[in-house]
Amino acid sequence: MSPSLASVPTSHPVPYAQLYAGQVAVIGEMLASLDSLTHAGRHHVMSKIVTFVQARVGSAPGTRTQPERARIAEMLEHLQREAARPLPAIGSFTESVQRLLAVPGLFV
């Protein structure tokens, strides 16, 4: 391998905080678009948001107390139920997502 190629980095590490900040910003844009979508579009977007939040909550640090974990699980269940409704309430879903995004240390 040539020395010039060996010195080229193969990937650019991205700090997690920056990565999640960008994803959280995209979620905000997705939430803002819910009013303009069809019912099928709303379900699709809500499902994507729930999937992202579930993955993040599942990988969150385990330093939370049991009551905190229970409250986060309750909030996540509310999101899932709302997204699964035939006619989901956009305001309730949006508010629940925003409350989860505000949990300190959950989305860093």
C-alpha atoms as a PDB file:
ATOM      1  CA  MET A   1       0.000   0.000   0.000  1.00  0.00           C
ATOM      2  CA  SER A   2       1.361   3.392  -0.866  1.00  0.00           C
ATOM      3  CA  PRO A   3       2.229   5.716   2.044  1.00  0.00           C
ATOM      4  CA  SER A   4      -0.187   8.380   0.761  1.00  0.00           C
ATOM      5  CA  LEU A   5      -3.108   5.936   0.875  1.00  0.00           C
ATOM      6  CA  ALA A   6      -2.170   4.590   4.288  1.00  0.00           C
ATOM      7  CA  SER A   7      -2.438   8.029   5.829  1.00  0.00           C
ATOM      8  CA  VAL A   8      -5.959   8.694   4.518  1.00  0.00           C
ATOM      9  CA  PRO A   9      -8.562   8.040   7.212  1.00  0.00           C
ATOM     10  CA  THR A  10     -11.146   5.467   6.201  1.00  0.00           C
ATOM     11  CA  SER A  11     -13.924   6.984   8.280  1.00  0.00           C
ATOM     12  CA  HIS A  12     -14.727  10.220  10.003  1.00  0.00           C
ATOM     13  CA  PRO A  13     -15.838   9.658  13.589  1.00  0.00           C
ATOM     14  CA  VAL A  14     -18.898  11.697  14.499  1.00  0.00           C
ATOM     15  CA  PRO A  15     -19.489  12.511  18.151  1.00  0.00           C
ATOM     16  CA  TYR A  16     -22.706  10.908  19.414  1.00  0.00           C
ATOM     17  CA  ALA A  17     -24.039  14.207  20.732  1.00  0.00           C
ATOM     18  CA  GLN A  18     -23.759  15.759  17.278  1.00  0.00           C
ATOM     19  CA  LEU A  19     -25.297  12.707  15.631  1.00  0.00           C
ATOM     20  CA  TYR A  20     -28.315  12.627  17.939  1.00  0.00           C
ATOM     21  CA  ALA A  21     -28.763  16.403  17.780  1.00  0.00           C
ATOM     22  CA  GLY A  22     -29.130  16.099  14.021  1.00  0.00           C
ATOM     23  CA  GLN A  23     -31.568  13.209  14.325  1.00  0.00           C
ATOM     24  CA  VAL A  24     -33.621  15.028  16.939  1.00  0.00           C
ATOM     25  CA  ALA A  25     -33.800  18.036  14.598  1.00  0.00           C
ATOM     26  CA  VAL A  26     -35.101  15.765  11.833  1.00  0.00           C
ATOM     27  CA  ILE A  27     -37.723  14.381  14.216  1.00  0.00           C
ATOM     28  CA  GLY A  28     -38.844  17.953  14.876  1.00  0.00           C
ATOM     29  CA  GLU A  29     -39.271  18.488  11.144  1.00  0.00           C
ATOM     30  CA  MET A  30     -41.172  15.212  10.837  1.00  0.00           C
ATOM     31  CA  LEU A  31     -43.510  16.238  13.657  1.00  0.00           C
ATOM     32  CA  ALA A  32     -44.125  19.601  12.014  1.00  0.00           C
ATOM     33  CA  SER A  33     -45.116  17.878   8.763  1.00  0.00           C
ATOM     34  CA  LEU A  34     -47.741  15.561  10.301  1.00  0.00           C
ATOM     35  CA  ASP A  35     -50.626  18.004   9.717  1.00  0.00           C
ATOM     36  CA  SER A  36     -49.980  18.060   5.987  1.00  0.00           C
ATOM     37  CA  LEU A  37     -49.863  14.285   5.473  1.00  0.00           C
ATOM     38  CA  THR A  38     -52.529  11.747   4.592  1.00  0.00           C
ATOM     39  CA  HIS A  39     -53.573   9.227   7.259  1.00  0.00           C
ATOM     40  CA  ALA A  40     -51.234   6.638   5.727  1.00  0.00           C
ATOM     41  CA  GLY A  41     -48.417   9.187   5.652  1.00  0.00           C
ATOM     42  CA  ARG A  42     -49.013  10.075   9.294  1.00  0.00           C
ATOM     43  CA  HIS A  43     -48.860   6.428  10.320  1.00  0.00           C
ATOM     44  CA  HIS A  44     -45.646   5.957   8.358  1.00  0.00           C
ATOM     45  CA  VAL A  45     -43.932   8.998   9.859  1.00  0.00           C
ATOM     46  CA  MET A  46     -45.166   8.242  13.370  1.00  0.00           C
ATOM     47  CA  SER A  47     -43.900   4.681  13.044  1.00  0.00           C
ATOM     48  CA  LYS A  48     -40.462   5.947  12.015  1.00  0.00           C
ATOM     49  CA  ILE A  49     -40.364   8.299  15.000  1.00  0.00           C
ATOM     50  CA  VAL A  50     -41.439   5.557  17.420  1.00  0.00           C
ATOM     51  CA  THR A  51     -38.794   3.201  16.003  1.00  0.00           C
ATOM     52  CA  PHE A  52     -36.059   5.804  16.492  1.00  0.00           C
ATOM     53  CA  VAL A  53     -37.176   6.623  20.028  1.00  0.00           C
ATOM     54  CA  GLN A  54     -37.440   2.931  20.970  1.00  0.00           C
ATOM     55  CA  ALA A  55     -33.914   2.285  19.721  1.00  0.00           C
ATOM     56  CA  ARG A  56     -32.535   5.248  21.638  1.00  0.00           C
ATOM     57  CA  VAL A  57     -34.369   4.398  24.835  1.00  0.00           C
ATOM     58  CA  GLY A  58     -33.155   0.806  24.552  1.00  0.00           C
ATOM     59  CA  SER A  59     -29.544   1.940  24.287  1.00  0.00           C
ATOM     60  CA  ALA A  60     -29.759   4.636  26.969  1.00  0.00           C
ATOM     61  CA  PRO A  61     -27.445   4.356  29.943  1.00  0.00           C
ATOM     62  CA  GLY A  62     -28.775   2.121  32.703  1.00  0.00           C
ATOM     63  CA  THR A  63     -28.136   4.613  35.513  1.00  0.00           C
ATOM     64  CA  ARG A  64     -31.782   5.608  35.852  1.00  0.00           C
ATOM     65  CA  THR A  65     -33.869   4.781  38.879  1.00  0.00           C
ATOM     66  CA  GLN A  66     -36.736   2.311  38.577  1.00  0.00           C
ATOM     67  CA  PRO A  67     -39.391   5.074  38.757  1.00  0.00           C
ATOM     68  CA  GLU A  68     -37.597   6.981  35.971  1.00  0.00           C
ATOM     69  CA  ARG A  69     -37.402   3.859  33.784  1.00  0.00           C
ATOM     70  CA  ALA A  70     -41.083   3.126  34.451  1.00  0.00           C
ATOM     71  CA  ARG A  71     -42.094   6.677  33.470  1.00  0.00           C
ATOM     72  CA  ILE A  72     -40.017   6.521  30.273  1.00  0.00           C
ATOM     73  CA  ALA A  73     -41.574   3.145  29.419  1.00  0.00           C
ATOM     74  CA  GLU A  74     -45.044   4.588  30.040  1.00  0.00           C
ATOM     75  CA  MET A  75     -44.315   7.537  27.748  1.00  0.00           C
ATOM     76  CA  LEU A  76     -43.036   5.197  25.055  1.00  0.00           C
ATOM     77  CA  GLU A  77     -46.133   2.982  25.334  1.00  0.00           C
ATOM     78  CA  HIS A  78     -48.315   6.069  24.915  1.00  0.00           C
ATOM     79  CA  LEU A  79     -46.423   6.930  21.728  1.00  0.00           C
ATOM     80  CA  GLN A  80     -46.893   3.413  20.383  1.00  0.00           C
ATOM     81  CA  ARG A  81     -50.619   3.390  21.173  1.00  0.00           C
ATOM     82  CA  GLU A  82     -51.178   6.804  19.629  1.00  0.00           C
ATOM     83  CA  ALA A  83     -49.265   5.918  16.472  1.00  0.00           C
ATOM     84  CA  ALA A  84     -51.273   2.699  16.107  1.00  0.00           C
ATOM     85  CA  ARG A  85     -54.694   4.364  16.379  1.00  0.00           C
ATOM     86  CA  PRO A  86     -56.728   4.515  13.150  1.00  0.00           C
ATOM     87  CA  LEU A  87     -56.981   8.294  13.543  1.00  0.00           C
ATOM     88  CA  PRO A  88     -54.050   9.310  15.743  1.00  0.00           C
ATOM     89  CA  ALA A  89     -54.196  12.586  17.627  1.00  0.00           C
ATOM     90  CA  ILE A  90     -51.296  14.567  16.231  1.00  0.00           C
ATOM     91  CA  GLY A  91     -51.190  16.998  19.152  1.00  0.00           C
ATOM     92  CA  SER A  92     -51.014  14.246  21.746  1.00  0.00           C
ATOM     93  CA  PHE A  93     -48.364  12.344  19.769  1.00  0.00           C
ATOM     94  CA  THR A  94     -46.270  15.472  19.229  1.00  0.00           C
ATOM     95  CA  GLU A  95     -46.479  16.441  22.892  1.00  0.00           C
ATOM     96  CA  SER A  96     -45.439  12.941  23.980  1.00  0.00           C
ATOM     97  CA  VAL A  97     -42.453  12.938  21.626  1.00  0.00           C
ATOM     98  CA  GLN A  98     -41.383  16.350  22.879  1.00  0.00           C
ATOM     99  CA  ARG A  99     -41.620  15.187  26.512  1.00  0.00           C
ATOM    100  CA  LEU A 100     -39.424  12.180  25.715  1.00  0.00           C
ATOM    101  CA  LEU A 101     -36.922  14.319  23.847  1.00  0.00           C
ATOM    102  CA  ALA A 102     -36.709  16.560  26.915  1.00  0.00           C
ATOM    103  CA  VAL A 103     -35.725  13.726  29.280  1.00  0.00           C
ATOM    104  CA  PRO A 104     -32.228  14.678  30.445  1.00  0.00           C
ATOM    105  CA  GLY A 105     -29.504  12.396  29.124  1.00  0.00           C
ATOM    106  CA  LEU A 106     -31.841  10.282  26.983  1.00  0.00           C
ATOM    107  CA  PHE A 107     -30.951  12.020  23.728  1.00  0.00           C
ATOM    108  CA  VAL A 108     -27.429  13.347  24.082  1.00  0.00           C
END
